[in-house]
Structures are given as C-alpha cells and as structure tokens.
C-alpha cells in the first residue's frame, strides 16, 4: 500500500529544503518515493510547483498525477493542462481514489499564502531514520493511505496498464 504524505511548512522555502533532504535519504534507501512534489504559495496566493520523478515511476505520467491532484485540491490548473477526455478520466480516478475529503480539506487549509508543502507518494520508508532526518525542518504531517485497488486504478490511468 502506498501513502500520499503532505508535510506543510510555515514559509515558502522550507519544503524545497526538505525535498533536497528526501533526495539524500533516497540515495541512502531510507525513503523510496515513487514521486515527490513541492508546492509553495507566495504572499499573493499564487501557487508554484516543482516535481521530481524517478525513471521507474514514469516521470511524465506522475506529472499528470500531480497536476490533477493539485487541480482537485486547489482548483488551479497545473502546467496549463487542458482537461481533455483522457485527463477527465484521470481526474475521475483521482477523485474516487480514496484520498478522503478530510485529507483534501486539511491540505487546502494548510497551504495558505506564504507557506509551502512537500508531497510524497511512498511505499517503502525506514520511519525512524526518515523522521530523524526530516524533523529538523519541523512542519505539519498529513497522510492518506492509498489502497492497493486505488494504486492499481491510478497506475492503470497513468500508464494505460495495470501495475505489475
């Protein structure tokens, strides 16, 4: 089962710093993320997104996932994506994905102007080492577990084939 983790920070820069730490932890196999994204919201309320994908995660498709997820959470377009038939189907999958409404509301409430958040889709993590390394950044942690069925449905929507 994969987890969607969001860690919110009270300023615009800390999520990017924490993302660099996640990359270091990835190299040490402490965290094995499928995808990582940083979203910050400037003082004017504009969202800024950066993503980092691993080749095995299908980078372009994870970009679509983040785009649809952030569009659903914040009602904003991502990378100027048009909502065509394929995107509509993916959006429907994400909406039905088991990412509960409470998690969605908490993420929206957390990302106020002048803040940032780190998002991770993770299956494997060494919790004690990851917590110790990331605790220096502080933040508020939110987590939504994705069921195996949800993972497979999203994988199929993202890649056009069931997860192996």
N, C-alpha and C. Protein backbone atom coordinates (compact mmCIF):
# COMPACT_ATOMS: atom_id res chain seq x y z
N UNK A 1 0.84 -1.17 0.00
CA UNK A 1 0.00 0.00 0.00
C UNK A 1 0.89 1.24 0.00
N UNK A 2 0.59 2.18 -0.87
CA UNK A 2 1.34 3.42 -0.94
C UNK A 2 0.67 4.46 -0.06
N UNK A 3 1.45 5.41 0.39
CA UNK A 3 0.94 6.52 1.17
C UNK A 3 1.19 7.81 0.42
N UNK A 4 0.23 8.70 0.46
CA UNK A 4 0.39 10.06 -0.02
C UNK A 4 0.62 10.89 1.23
N UNK A 5 1.80 11.47 1.33
CA UNK A 5 2.18 12.24 2.52
C UNK A 5 2.35 13.70 2.11
N UNK A 6 1.77 14.59 2.89
CA UNK A 6 1.95 16.02 2.70
C UNK A 6 2.52 16.58 4.00
N UNK A 7 3.61 17.34 3.89
CA UNK A 7 4.21 17.98 5.05
C UNK A 7 4.18 19.48 4.79
N UNK A 8 3.43 20.20 5.62
CA UNK A 8 3.27 21.63 5.44
C UNK A 8 4.27 22.42 6.27
N UNK A 9 4.73 23.54 5.71
CA UNK A 9 5.71 24.41 6.38
C UNK A 9 5.20 25.84 6.40
N UNK A 10 5.58 26.61 7.44
CA UNK A 10 5.03 27.96 7.62
C UNK A 10 5.67 29.04 6.76
N UNK A 11 6.54 28.65 5.83
CA UNK A 11 7.16 29.64 4.94
C UNK A 11 7.25 29.05 3.54
N UNK A 12 7.70 29.85 2.59
CA UNK A 12 7.73 29.42 1.19
C UNK A 12 8.92 28.54 0.82
N UNK A 13 9.99 28.53 1.61
CA UNK A 13 11.24 27.88 1.20
C UNK A 13 11.51 26.52 1.84
N UNK A 14 10.95 26.24 2.99
CA UNK A 14 11.34 25.05 3.74
C UNK A 14 11.01 23.76 3.02
N UNK A 15 9.90 23.70 2.30
CA UNK A 15 9.55 22.46 1.59
C UNK A 15 10.63 22.10 0.57
N UNK A 16 11.21 23.09 -0.11
CA UNK A 16 12.28 22.81 -1.08
C UNK A 16 13.52 22.27 -0.36
N UNK A 17 13.83 22.81 0.82
CA UNK A 17 14.96 22.29 1.60
C UNK A 17 14.69 20.85 2.02
N UNK A 18 13.48 20.57 2.48
CA UNK A 18 13.12 19.22 2.90
C UNK A 18 13.16 18.26 1.71
N UNK A 19 12.79 18.74 0.52
CA UNK A 19 12.84 17.89 -0.69
C UNK A 19 14.27 17.48 -0.99
N UNK A 20 15.22 18.38 -0.81
CA UNK A 20 16.64 18.02 -1.02
C UNK A 20 17.07 16.96 -0.01
N UNK A 21 16.56 17.05 1.21
CA UNK A 21 16.87 16.02 2.22
C UNK A 21 16.25 14.68 1.82
N UNK A 22 15.04 14.70 1.27
CA UNK A 22 14.41 13.47 0.79
C UNK A 22 15.27 12.85 -0.31
N UNK A 23 15.81 13.66 -1.20
CA UNK A 23 16.67 13.12 -2.26
C UNK A 23 17.91 12.45 -1.66
N UNK A 24 18.48 13.06 -0.61
CA UNK A 24 19.63 12.46 0.06
C UNK A 24 19.21 11.12 0.70
N UNK A 25 18.07 11.11 1.37
CA UNK A 25 17.57 9.89 2.01
C UNK A 25 17.24 8.82 0.98
N UNK A 26 16.81 9.24 -0.20
CA UNK A 26 16.54 8.30 -1.28
C UNK A 26 17.83 7.59 -1.69
N UNK A 27 18.90 8.37 -1.78
CA UNK A 27 20.20 7.79 -2.13
C UNK A 27 20.68 6.77 -1.11
N UNK A 28 20.27 6.95 0.13
CA UNK A 28 20.66 6.02 1.20
C UNK A 28 19.60 4.92 1.41
N UNK A 29 18.58 4.89 0.54
CA UNK A 29 17.50 3.91 0.59
C UNK A 29 16.68 3.96 1.88
N UNK A 30 16.66 5.12 2.54
CA UNK A 30 15.85 5.28 3.74
C UNK A 30 14.40 5.57 3.34
N UNK A 31 14.23 6.34 2.27
CA UNK A 31 12.93 6.61 1.69
C UNK A 31 13.01 6.19 0.23
N UNK A 32 12.00 5.48 -0.24
CA UNK A 32 11.94 5.10 -1.65
C UNK A 32 10.65 5.66 -2.25
N UNK A 33 10.67 6.96 -2.61
CA UNK A 33 9.45 7.57 -3.13
C UNK A 33 9.21 7.21 -4.59
N UNK A 34 7.93 7.06 -4.94
CA UNK A 34 7.57 6.91 -6.34
C UNK A 34 7.59 8.27 -7.00
N UNK A 35 7.18 9.30 -6.27
CA UNK A 35 7.16 10.66 -6.81
C UNK A 35 7.22 11.66 -5.66
N UNK A 36 7.81 12.82 -5.96
CA UNK A 36 7.97 13.88 -4.98
C UNK A 36 7.57 15.20 -5.64
N UNK A 37 6.85 16.04 -4.90
CA UNK A 37 6.50 17.36 -5.42
C UNK A 37 6.57 18.37 -4.29
N UNK A 38 6.94 19.58 -4.66
CA UNK A 38 6.94 20.71 -3.72
C UNK A 38 5.97 21.74 -4.27
N UNK A 39 5.10 22.23 -3.42
CA UNK A 39 4.21 23.30 -3.82
C UNK A 39 4.35 24.42 -2.80
N UNK A 40 4.56 25.62 -3.31
CA UNK A 40 4.63 26.78 -2.42
C UNK A 40 3.56 27.77 -2.87
N UNK A 41 3.15 28.58 -1.93
CA UNK A 41 2.14 29.59 -2.23
C UNK A 41 2.71 30.93 -1.78
N UNK A 42 2.94 31.81 -2.74
CA UNK A 42 3.55 33.10 -2.39
C UNK A 42 2.55 33.98 -1.64
N UNK A 43 3.03 35.11 -1.18
CA UNK A 43 2.20 36.01 -0.36
C UNK A 43 0.96 36.51 -1.10
N UNK A 44 1.02 36.53 -2.43
CA UNK A 44 -0.13 36.96 -3.23
C UNK A 44 -1.12 35.82 -3.45
N UNK A 45 -0.76 34.60 -3.01
CA UNK A 45 -1.65 33.46 -3.14
C UNK A 45 -1.41 32.60 -4.37
N UNK A 46 -0.40 32.94 -5.18
CA UNK A 46 -0.10 32.16 -6.39
C UNK A 46 0.68 30.90 -6.02
N UNK A 47 0.30 29.79 -6.65
CA UNK A 47 0.96 28.50 -6.40
C UNK A 47 2.15 28.32 -7.32
N UNK A 48 3.22 27.72 -6.79
CA UNK A 48 4.42 27.37 -7.55
C UNK A 48 4.71 25.90 -7.27
N UNK A 49 4.88 25.11 -8.32
CA UNK A 49 5.04 23.66 -8.17
C UNK A 49 6.33 23.21 -8.83
N UNK A 50 7.05 22.33 -8.14
CA UNK A 50 8.18 21.64 -8.77
C UNK A 50 8.05 20.16 -8.42
N UNK A 51 8.42 19.32 -9.37
CA UNK A 51 8.29 17.88 -9.16
C UNK A 51 9.61 17.20 -9.48
N UNK A 52 9.76 16.02 -8.93
CA UNK A 52 10.94 15.22 -9.17
C UNK A 52 10.47 13.78 -9.26
N UNK A 53 10.75 13.14 -10.41
CA UNK A 53 10.28 11.77 -10.62
C UNK A 53 11.46 10.86 -10.89
N UNK A 54 11.26 9.61 -10.56
CA UNK A 54 12.27 8.59 -10.85
C UNK A 54 11.86 7.87 -12.12
N UNK A 55 12.83 7.44 -12.89
CA UNK A 55 12.54 6.81 -14.18
C UNK A 55 11.54 5.67 -14.04
N UNK A 56 11.68 4.87 -12.98
CA UNK A 56 10.78 3.74 -12.82
C UNK A 56 9.36 4.18 -12.52
N UNK A 57 9.17 5.43 -12.12
CA UNK A 57 7.84 5.92 -11.78
C UNK A 57 7.11 6.51 -12.96
N UNK A 58 7.70 6.54 -14.14
CA UNK A 58 7.05 7.13 -15.30
C UNK A 58 6.87 8.62 -15.14
N UNK A 59 7.98 9.37 -15.17
CA UNK A 59 8.00 10.79 -14.87
C UNK A 59 6.88 11.62 -15.46
N UNK A 60 6.64 11.53 -16.76
CA UNK A 60 5.60 12.36 -17.38
C UNK A 60 4.23 12.04 -16.80
N UNK A 61 3.99 10.77 -16.55
CA UNK A 61 2.69 10.38 -16.02
C UNK A 61 2.52 10.85 -14.58
N UNK A 62 3.60 10.83 -13.79
CA UNK A 62 3.48 11.37 -12.44
C UNK A 62 3.20 12.86 -12.50
N UNK A 63 3.74 13.53 -13.51
CA UNK A 63 3.43 14.94 -13.69
C UNK A 63 1.94 15.14 -13.88
N UNK A 64 1.32 14.26 -14.66
CA UNK A 64 -0.13 14.33 -14.85
C UNK A 64 -0.86 14.07 -13.52
N UNK A 65 -0.36 13.09 -12.75
CA UNK A 65 -0.96 12.80 -11.46
C UNK A 65 -0.94 14.03 -10.56
N UNK A 66 0.26 14.64 -10.42
CA UNK A 66 0.36 15.83 -9.57
C UNK A 66 -0.53 16.94 -10.11
N UNK A 67 -0.55 17.11 -11.41
CA UNK A 67 -1.38 18.15 -12.00
C UNK A 67 -2.84 17.99 -11.65
N UNK A 68 -3.33 16.78 -11.80
CA UNK A 68 -4.74 16.53 -11.49
C UNK A 68 -5.00 16.63 -9.98
N UNK A 69 -4.08 16.10 -9.18
CA UNK A 69 -4.27 16.16 -7.73
C UNK A 69 -4.28 17.61 -7.26
N UNK A 70 -3.31 18.40 -7.70
CA UNK A 70 -3.24 19.79 -7.25
C UNK A 70 -4.41 20.59 -7.82
N UNK A 71 -4.83 20.25 -9.02
CA UNK A 71 -6.00 20.91 -9.58
C UNK A 71 -7.24 20.62 -8.75
N UNK A 72 -7.36 19.37 -8.30
CA UNK A 72 -8.50 18.98 -7.48
C UNK A 72 -8.43 19.64 -6.10
N UNK A 73 -7.24 19.66 -5.50
CA UNK A 73 -7.10 20.21 -4.16
C UNK A 73 -7.24 21.73 -4.12
N UNK A 74 -6.65 22.40 -5.10
CA UNK A 74 -6.56 23.86 -5.03
C UNK A 74 -7.34 24.57 -6.12
N UNK A 75 -8.01 23.80 -6.98
CA UNK A 75 -8.83 24.38 -8.04
C UNK A 75 -8.01 25.29 -8.95
N UNK A 76 -6.77 24.88 -9.20
CA UNK A 76 -5.92 25.67 -10.10
C UNK A 76 -5.36 24.76 -11.18
N UNK A 77 -5.20 25.26 -12.41
CA UNK A 77 -4.58 24.45 -13.46
C UNK A 77 -3.09 24.29 -13.16
N UNK A 78 -2.52 23.21 -13.63
CA UNK A 78 -1.12 22.86 -13.40
C UNK A 78 -0.45 22.73 -14.74
N UNK A 79 0.59 23.49 -14.96
CA UNK A 79 1.31 23.49 -16.24
C UNK A 79 0.39 23.80 -17.41
N UNK A 80 -0.70 24.52 -17.16
CA UNK A 80 -1.62 24.90 -18.22
C UNK A 80 -2.30 23.72 -18.89
N UNK A 81 -2.47 22.61 -18.19
CA UNK A 81 -3.06 21.42 -18.80
C UNK A 81 -4.53 21.64 -19.13
N UNK A 82 -4.90 21.26 -20.31
CA UNK A 82 -6.31 21.29 -20.70
C UNK A 82 -6.95 19.99 -20.22
N UNK A 83 -8.20 20.06 -19.85
CA UNK A 83 -8.89 18.88 -19.34
C UNK A 83 -9.59 18.18 -20.49
N UNK A 84 -8.83 17.37 -21.25
CA UNK A 84 -9.39 16.59 -22.35
C UNK A 84 -10.04 15.33 -21.82
N UNK A 85 -10.47 14.47 -22.73
CA UNK A 85 -11.16 13.23 -22.34
C UNK A 85 -10.28 12.36 -21.46
N UNK A 86 -9.02 12.17 -21.85
CA UNK A 86 -8.11 11.34 -21.06
C UNK A 86 -7.85 11.94 -19.69
N UNK A 87 -7.68 13.27 -19.65
CA UNK A 87 -7.45 13.95 -18.38
C UNK A 87 -8.70 13.86 -17.51
N UNK A 88 -9.86 13.96 -18.13
CA UNK A 88 -11.11 13.84 -17.38
C UNK A 88 -11.21 12.48 -16.71
N UNK A 89 -10.80 11.45 -17.44
CA UNK A 89 -10.84 10.09 -16.88
C UNK A 89 -9.87 9.98 -15.71
N UNK A 90 -8.66 10.56 -15.87
CA UNK A 90 -7.67 10.51 -14.79
C UNK A 90 -8.18 11.28 -13.58
N UNK A 91 -8.77 12.45 -13.83
CA UNK A 91 -9.31 13.26 -12.74
C UNK A 91 -10.37 12.48 -11.99
N UNK A 92 -11.22 11.77 -12.72
CA UNK A 92 -12.25 10.95 -12.09
C UNK A 92 -11.64 9.88 -11.21
N UNK A 93 -10.55 9.27 -11.68
CA UNK A 93 -9.88 8.23 -10.88
C UNK A 93 -9.31 8.81 -9.59
N UNK A 94 -8.70 9.99 -9.71
CA UNK A 94 -8.12 10.61 -8.52
C UNK A 94 -9.23 10.99 -7.54
N UNK A 95 -10.32 11.55 -8.06
CA UNK A 95 -11.42 11.94 -7.19
C UNK A 95 -12.00 10.75 -6.45
N UNK A 96 -11.99 9.57 -7.10
CA UNK A 96 -12.54 8.36 -6.48
C UNK A 96 -11.44 7.53 -5.82
N UNK A 97 -10.27 8.09 -5.65
CA UNK A 97 -9.09 7.34 -5.27
C UNK A 97 -9.01 6.93 -3.82
N UNK A 98 -9.92 7.39 -3.01
CA UNK A 98 -9.79 7.07 -1.60
C UNK A 98 -8.98 8.13 -0.87
N UNK A 99 -8.57 9.20 -1.55
CA UNK A 99 -7.96 10.32 -0.87
C UNK A 99 -9.14 11.06 -0.24
N UNK A 100 -9.31 10.84 1.04
CA UNK A 100 -10.56 11.29 1.66
C UNK A 100 -10.70 12.81 1.71
N UNK A 101 -11.95 13.21 1.85
CA UNK A 101 -12.29 14.64 1.83
C UNK A 101 -11.63 15.39 2.99
N UNK A 102 -11.48 14.73 4.13
CA UNK A 102 -10.83 15.37 5.27
C UNK A 102 -9.39 15.71 4.94
N UNK A 103 -8.66 14.74 4.33
CA UNK A 103 -7.27 14.98 3.92
C UNK A 103 -7.23 16.15 2.93
N UNK A 104 -8.12 16.15 1.96
CA UNK A 104 -8.15 17.22 0.97
C UNK A 104 -8.36 18.58 1.64
N UNK A 105 -9.31 18.65 2.55
CA UNK A 105 -9.59 19.91 3.25
C UNK A 105 -8.39 20.35 4.09
N UNK A 106 -7.76 19.39 4.78
CA UNK A 106 -6.61 19.72 5.62
C UNK A 106 -5.45 20.27 4.78
N UNK A 107 -5.22 19.68 3.61
CA UNK A 107 -4.16 20.17 2.73
C UNK A 107 -4.48 21.58 2.26
N UNK A 108 -5.72 21.81 1.85
CA UNK A 108 -6.11 23.17 1.41
C UNK A 108 -5.94 24.18 2.54
N UNK A 109 -6.35 23.81 3.75
CA UNK A 109 -6.23 24.71 4.90
C UNK A 109 -4.77 24.97 5.25
N UNK A 110 -3.92 23.98 5.06
CA UNK A 110 -2.52 24.08 5.42
C UNK A 110 -1.76 25.03 4.48
N UNK A 111 -2.10 25.02 3.20
CA UNK A 111 -1.35 25.81 2.23
C UNK A 111 -1.96 27.20 2.03
N UNK A 112 -1.71 28.05 2.97
CA UNK A 112 -2.15 29.43 2.93
C UNK A 112 -1.06 30.29 2.27
N UNK A 113 -1.37 31.50 1.85
CA UNK A 113 -0.34 32.37 1.28
C UNK A 113 0.88 32.48 2.20
N UNK A 114 2.08 32.38 1.60
CA UNK A 114 3.32 32.47 2.35
C UNK A 114 3.79 31.16 2.94
N UNK A 115 3.22 30.02 2.51
CA UNK A 115 3.59 28.71 3.04
C UNK A 115 4.02 27.77 1.92
N UNK A 116 4.43 26.56 2.30
CA UNK A 116 4.82 25.55 1.31
C UNK A 116 4.54 24.17 1.87
N UNK A 117 4.58 23.17 0.98
CA UNK A 117 4.38 21.78 1.41
C UNK A 117 5.17 20.84 0.52
N UNK A 118 5.60 19.76 1.11
CA UNK A 118 6.30 18.68 0.41
C UNK A 118 5.31 17.54 0.29
N UNK A 119 5.14 17.00 -0.92
CA UNK A 119 4.25 15.87 -1.17
C UNK A 119 5.08 14.68 -1.62
N UNK A 120 4.77 13.51 -1.08
CA UNK A 120 5.47 12.27 -1.43
C UNK A 120 4.45 11.17 -1.65
N UNK A 121 4.68 10.35 -2.67
CA UNK A 121 3.97 9.09 -2.80
C UNK A 121 5.02 8.04 -2.48
N UNK A 122 4.82 7.31 -1.38
CA UNK A 122 5.85 6.41 -0.86
C UNK A 122 5.27 5.05 -0.54
N UNK A 123 6.00 4.02 -0.90
CA UNK A 123 5.64 2.67 -0.49
C UNK A 123 6.59 2.15 0.58
N UNK A 124 7.86 2.51 0.45
CA UNK A 124 8.86 1.98 1.37
C UNK A 124 9.59 3.12 2.06
N UNK A 125 9.67 3.01 3.39
CA UNK A 125 10.36 4.02 4.17
C UNK A 125 10.86 3.37 5.46
N UNK A 126 12.02 3.82 5.94
CA UNK A 126 12.51 3.41 7.25
C UNK A 126 12.10 4.55 8.19
N UNK A 127 10.96 4.38 8.87
CA UNK A 127 10.35 5.51 9.58
C UNK A 127 11.26 6.24 10.57
N UNK A 128 11.97 5.50 11.43
CA UNK A 128 12.75 6.18 12.47
C UNK A 128 13.84 7.06 11.86
N UNK A 129 14.53 6.57 10.84
CA UNK A 129 15.60 7.36 10.22
C UNK A 129 15.04 8.53 9.41
N UNK A 130 13.94 8.30 8.74
CA UNK A 130 13.32 9.37 7.95
C UNK A 130 12.82 10.48 8.87
N UNK A 131 12.15 10.11 9.95
CA UNK A 131 11.64 11.10 10.90
C UNK A 131 12.80 11.89 11.51
N UNK A 132 13.86 11.19 11.90
CA UNK A 132 15.01 11.87 12.50
C UNK A 132 15.62 12.88 11.53
N UNK A 133 15.74 12.50 10.26
CA UNK A 133 16.35 13.39 9.27
C UNK A 133 15.46 14.57 8.91
N UNK A 134 14.15 14.36 8.83
CA UNK A 134 13.24 15.42 8.41
C UNK A 134 12.73 16.28 9.57
N UNK A 135 12.94 15.83 10.80
CA UNK A 135 12.40 16.57 11.95
C UNK A 135 13.04 17.95 12.09
N UNK A 136 14.25 18.12 11.58
CA UNK A 136 14.91 19.43 11.72
C UNK A 136 14.18 20.53 10.93
N UNK A 137 13.30 20.14 10.01
CA UNK A 137 12.55 21.11 9.22
C UNK A 137 11.20 21.46 9.85
N UNK A 138 10.80 20.71 10.88
CA UNK A 138 9.50 20.95 11.50
C UNK A 138 8.39 20.58 10.55
N UNK A 139 7.29 21.30 10.61
CA UNK A 139 6.19 21.07 9.68
C UNK A 139 5.06 20.28 10.28
N UNK A 140 3.97 20.26 9.53
CA UNK A 140 2.76 19.53 9.89
C UNK A 140 2.58 18.39 8.90
N UNK A 141 2.47 17.16 9.40
CA UNK A 141 2.39 15.99 8.54
C UNK A 141 0.95 15.53 8.40
N UNK A 142 0.54 15.34 7.14
CA UNK A 142 -0.76 14.76 6.82
C UNK A 142 -0.49 13.52 5.97
N UNK A 143 -1.28 12.47 6.17
CA UNK A 143 -1.06 11.23 5.43
C UNK A 143 -2.38 10.63 5.01
N UNK A 144 -2.41 10.15 3.76
CA UNK A 144 -3.58 9.44 3.25
C UNK A 144 -3.07 8.15 2.62
N UNK A 145 -3.55 7.03 3.09
CA UNK A 145 -3.14 5.75 2.52
C UNK A 145 -3.96 5.46 1.27
N UNK A 146 -3.27 4.98 0.27
CA UNK A 146 -3.92 4.58 -0.98
C UNK A 146 -4.04 3.07 -0.96
N UNK A 147 -5.25 2.57 -1.08
CA UNK A 147 -5.46 1.12 -1.08
C UNK A 147 -4.79 0.51 -2.31
N UNK A 148 -4.59 -0.79 -2.28
CA UNK A 148 -3.99 -1.48 -3.42
C UNK A 148 -4.85 -1.28 -4.66
N UNK A 149 -6.18 -1.35 -4.50
CA UNK A 149 -7.09 -1.13 -5.63
C UNK A 149 -6.92 0.28 -6.19
N UNK A 150 -6.80 1.26 -5.30
CA UNK A 150 -6.62 2.64 -5.73
C UNK A 150 -5.29 2.80 -6.47
N UNK A 151 -4.23 2.22 -5.90
CA UNK A 151 -2.92 2.28 -6.56
C UNK A 151 -3.01 1.70 -7.97
N UNK A 152 -3.64 0.53 -8.08
CA UNK A 152 -3.74 -0.12 -9.39
C UNK A 152 -4.57 0.70 -10.37
N UNK A 153 -5.67 1.29 -9.88
CA UNK A 153 -6.51 2.12 -10.75
C UNK A 153 -5.74 3.36 -11.22
N UNK A 154 -5.01 3.99 -10.31
CA UNK A 154 -4.21 5.16 -10.70
C UNK A 154 -3.09 4.75 -11.64
N UNK A 155 -2.43 3.63 -11.35
CA UNK A 155 -1.36 3.15 -12.21
C UNK A 155 -1.88 2.89 -13.61
N UNK A 156 -3.05 2.26 -13.69
CA UNK A 156 -3.65 1.98 -14.99
C UNK A 156 -4.00 3.29 -15.72
N UNK A 157 -4.57 4.25 -14.98
CA UNK A 157 -4.90 5.53 -15.59
C UNK A 157 -3.65 6.29 -16.04
N UNK A 158 -2.60 6.20 -15.24
CA UNK A 158 -1.37 6.91 -15.57
C UNK A 158 -0.60 6.28 -16.71
N UNK A 159 -0.54 4.96 -16.72
CA UNK A 159 0.32 4.26 -17.68
C UNK A 159 -0.44 3.47 -18.73
N UNK A 160 -1.76 3.37 -18.58
CA UNK A 160 -2.55 2.62 -19.53
C UNK A 160 -2.44 1.13 -19.35
N UNK A 161 -1.90 0.70 -18.21
CA UNK A 161 -1.76 -0.74 -17.95
C UNK A 161 -1.79 -0.97 -16.45
N UNK A 162 -2.22 -2.15 -16.03
CA UNK A 162 -2.24 -2.45 -14.60
C UNK A 162 -0.82 -2.46 -14.02
N UNK A 163 -0.71 -2.17 -12.73
CA UNK A 163 0.58 -2.23 -12.05
C UNK A 163 1.06 -3.67 -12.05
N UNK A 164 2.37 -3.85 -12.15
CA UNK A 164 2.89 -5.21 -12.15
C UNK A 164 3.19 -5.68 -10.75
